[in-house]
Amino acid sequence: MGSSKQKQKHRSSTADQCTKNEVTDWKDEVINSGSLKHVDLNTGSNGWASPPGDLFSLRSRTYFTKKVKSPSGPWILQPAGVDWLLSAGKHENVLSRADNRVMHALKKAQSRGKNMKSFVVAVNLQVPGREHHRDDGEVKT
């Protein structure tokens, strides 16, 4: 009996490949745009990169008996972008904002009847502070 990867390759069809290409199109648009660019993990700077999943260890099935963690393996969800937003106030419901580039790209694809079942998760990390930094390098207090 072959491995699951071989089975998946055997079962893939032309329709599956088209769907993968359509998903890649809007995701590529998101990955290659934004306030922080996507860079190579080992050589890039001034941008974002995603490390391979196996750098992180998780509790394995035998963790409670052997107390050994295992590499996590590939990510289930791949990051599509990182944005740096500067504001004097809170940003809430970031995916529902009219200027959100991720949802704009997805809605554009969906208006063409593609990617109707896409799944998007946004992590909104806000760092409080008194100083607000501007793009021109000045510090505003």
Protein backbone atom coordinates (compact mmCIF):
# COMPACT_ATOMS: atom_id res chain seq x y z
CA MET A 1 0.00 0.00 0.00
CA GLY A 2 1.39 3.46 -0.95
CA SER A 3 1.86 6.48 1.24
CA SER A 4 -0.87 9.10 1.68
CA LYS A 5 1.14 11.54 -0.48
CA GLN A 6 1.07 9.05 -3.35
CA LYS A 7 -2.67 8.57 -2.90
CA GLN A 8 -3.24 12.32 -2.93
CA LYS A 9 -1.22 12.70 -6.13
CA HIS A 10 -3.14 9.86 -7.72
CA ARG A 11 -6.52 11.33 -6.78
CA SER A 12 -5.81 14.91 -7.88
CA SER A 13 -7.59 15.99 -11.01
CA THR A 14 -7.43 18.87 -13.46
CA ALA A 15 -10.31 20.52 -11.58
CA ASP A 16 -8.34 20.29 -8.33
CA GLN A 17 -5.33 21.91 -10.00
CA CYS A 18 -7.49 24.76 -11.37
CA THR A 19 -8.91 25.38 -7.90
CA LYS A 20 -5.39 25.47 -6.43
CA ASN A 21 -4.30 28.00 -9.09
CA GLU A 22 -7.32 30.23 -8.41
CA VAL A 23 -6.61 30.19 -4.68
CA THR A 24 -2.95 30.96 -5.34
CA ASP A 25 -3.88 33.97 -7.50
CA TRP A 26 -5.66 35.97 -4.79
CA LYS A 27 -3.25 34.76 -2.12
CA ASP A 28 -0.26 35.82 -4.24
CA GLU A 29 -1.83 39.26 -4.58
CA VAL A 30 -2.11 39.49 -0.79
CA ILE A 31 1.35 38.08 -0.08
CA ASN A 32 3.05 40.45 -2.53
CA SER A 33 1.31 43.61 -1.33
CA GLY A 34 0.99 45.35 1.99
CA SER A 35 3.05 47.56 4.24
CA LEU A 36 5.57 44.80 5.06
CA LYS A 37 6.96 42.76 2.18
CA HIS A 38 7.38 39.00 2.19
CA VAL A 39 11.09 38.16 2.40
CA ASP A 40 13.22 35.02 2.33
CA LEU A 41 13.45 33.46 5.78
CA ASN A 42 17.25 33.12 5.73
CA THR A 43 18.39 36.16 3.76
CA GLY A 44 15.56 38.69 3.96
CA SER A 45 15.33 41.80 6.10
CA ASN A 46 12.77 44.55 6.70
CA GLY A 47 9.83 42.25 6.04
CA TRP A 48 8.11 39.11 7.23
CA ALA A 49 8.75 35.41 6.73
CA SER A 50 7.22 32.24 8.09
CA PRO A 51 9.53 29.61 9.59
CA PRO A 52 8.90 25.94 8.79
CA GLY A 53 6.45 24.26 11.16
CA ASP A 54 8.84 21.53 12.25
CA LEU A 55 10.88 24.10 14.21
CA PHE A 56 8.13 23.96 16.82
CA SER A 57 7.62 20.97 19.07
CA LEU A 58 4.21 19.78 20.22
CA ARG A 59 3.03 17.09 22.57
CA SER A 60 2.96 13.80 20.70
CA ARG A 61 0.46 10.98 21.13
CA THR A 62 2.82 9.32 23.62
CA TYR A 63 3.67 12.53 25.49
CA PHE A 64 1.99 11.52 28.76
CA THR A 65 3.88 8.23 28.93
CA LYS A 66 7.26 9.15 27.39
CA LYS A 67 7.28 12.92 28.12
CA VAL A 68 8.77 13.60 24.67
CA LYS A 69 7.58 16.26 22.26
CA SER A 70 7.68 15.87 18.47
CA PRO A 71 8.18 18.36 15.62
CA SER A 72 4.83 19.78 14.58
CA GLY A 73 5.24 19.22 10.85
CA PRO A 74 3.85 21.47 8.11
CA TRP A 75 1.46 24.29 8.95
CA ILE A 76 -2.25 23.74 8.48
CA LEU A 77 -2.81 27.41 7.60
CA GLN A 78 -0.19 29.47 5.75
CA PRO A 79 0.28 33.17 6.57
CA ALA A 80 -0.80 35.43 3.73
CA GLY A 81 0.61 38.72 4.93
CA VAL A 82 1.60 41.05 7.70
CA ASP A 83 0.58 44.69 7.87
CA TRP A 84 1.87 47.41 10.15
CA LEU A 85 -0.92 49.87 10.93
CA LEU A 86 -0.25 53.06 12.86
CA SER A 87 -3.10 54.68 14.72
CA ALA A 88 -3.82 56.78 17.76
CA GLY A 89 -6.87 54.59 18.47
CA LYS A 90 -7.85 50.94 18.47
CA HIS A 91 -8.34 48.93 15.30
CA GLU A 92 -11.25 46.52 15.66
CA ASN A 93 -12.89 44.21 13.16
CA VAL A 94 -9.95 44.58 10.79
CA LEU A 95 -11.38 42.20 8.18
CA SER A 96 -14.57 44.27 7.86
CA ARG A 97 -12.75 47.55 7.16
CA ALA A 98 -13.32 48.95 3.65
CA ASP A 99 -9.56 49.38 3.11
CA ASN A 100 -8.60 45.82 4.15
CA ARG A 101 -6.44 44.48 1.31
CA VAL A 102 -6.91 40.79 2.17
CA MET A 103 -10.69 40.88 2.04
CA HIS A 104 -10.59 43.15 -1.01
CA ALA A 105 -8.52 40.57 -2.95
CA LEU A 106 -10.75 37.70 -1.81
CA LYS A 107 -13.99 39.54 -2.64
CA LYS A 108 -12.59 40.41 -6.08
CA ALA A 109 -11.92 36.70 -6.72
CA GLN A 110 -15.35 35.77 -5.38
CA SER A 111 -17.04 38.33 -7.64
CA ARG A 112 -15.64 36.25 -10.53
CA GLY A 113 -17.23 33.14 -8.99
CA LYS A 114 -13.94 31.78 -7.62
CA ASN A 115 -12.79 30.83 -4.11
CA MET A 116 -16.31 30.81 -2.72
CA LYS A 117 -15.32 28.59 0.24
CA SER A 118 -12.14 30.36 1.31
CA PHE A 119 -11.28 30.61 4.99
CA VAL A 120 -9.55 33.71 6.38
CA VAL A 121 -8.28 34.32 9.92
CA ALA A 122 -6.82 37.64 11.05
CA VAL A 123 -4.73 38.15 14.15
CA ASN A 124 -4.95 41.72 15.34
CA LEU A 125 -2.02 42.44 17.66
CA GLN A 126 -2.09 45.94 19.12
CA VAL A 127 0.83 47.36 21.04
CA PRO A 128 -0.16 50.22 23.32
CA GLY A 129 2.14 53.15 23.92
CA ARG A 130 2.29 56.92 24.27
CA GLU A 131 4.45 57.57 21.22
CA HIS A 132 3.18 57.09 17.69
CA HIS A 133 5.87 56.57 15.06
CA ARG A 134 5.39 57.96 11.57
CA ASP A 135 6.85 56.74 8.28
CA ASP A 136 9.13 59.78 7.89
CA GLY A 137 11.13 58.82 10.98
CA GLU A 138 9.82 61.60 13.24
CA VAL A 139 8.49 60.74 16.66
CA LYS A 140 5.14 62.28 17.52
CA THR A 141 4.03 62.57 21.15
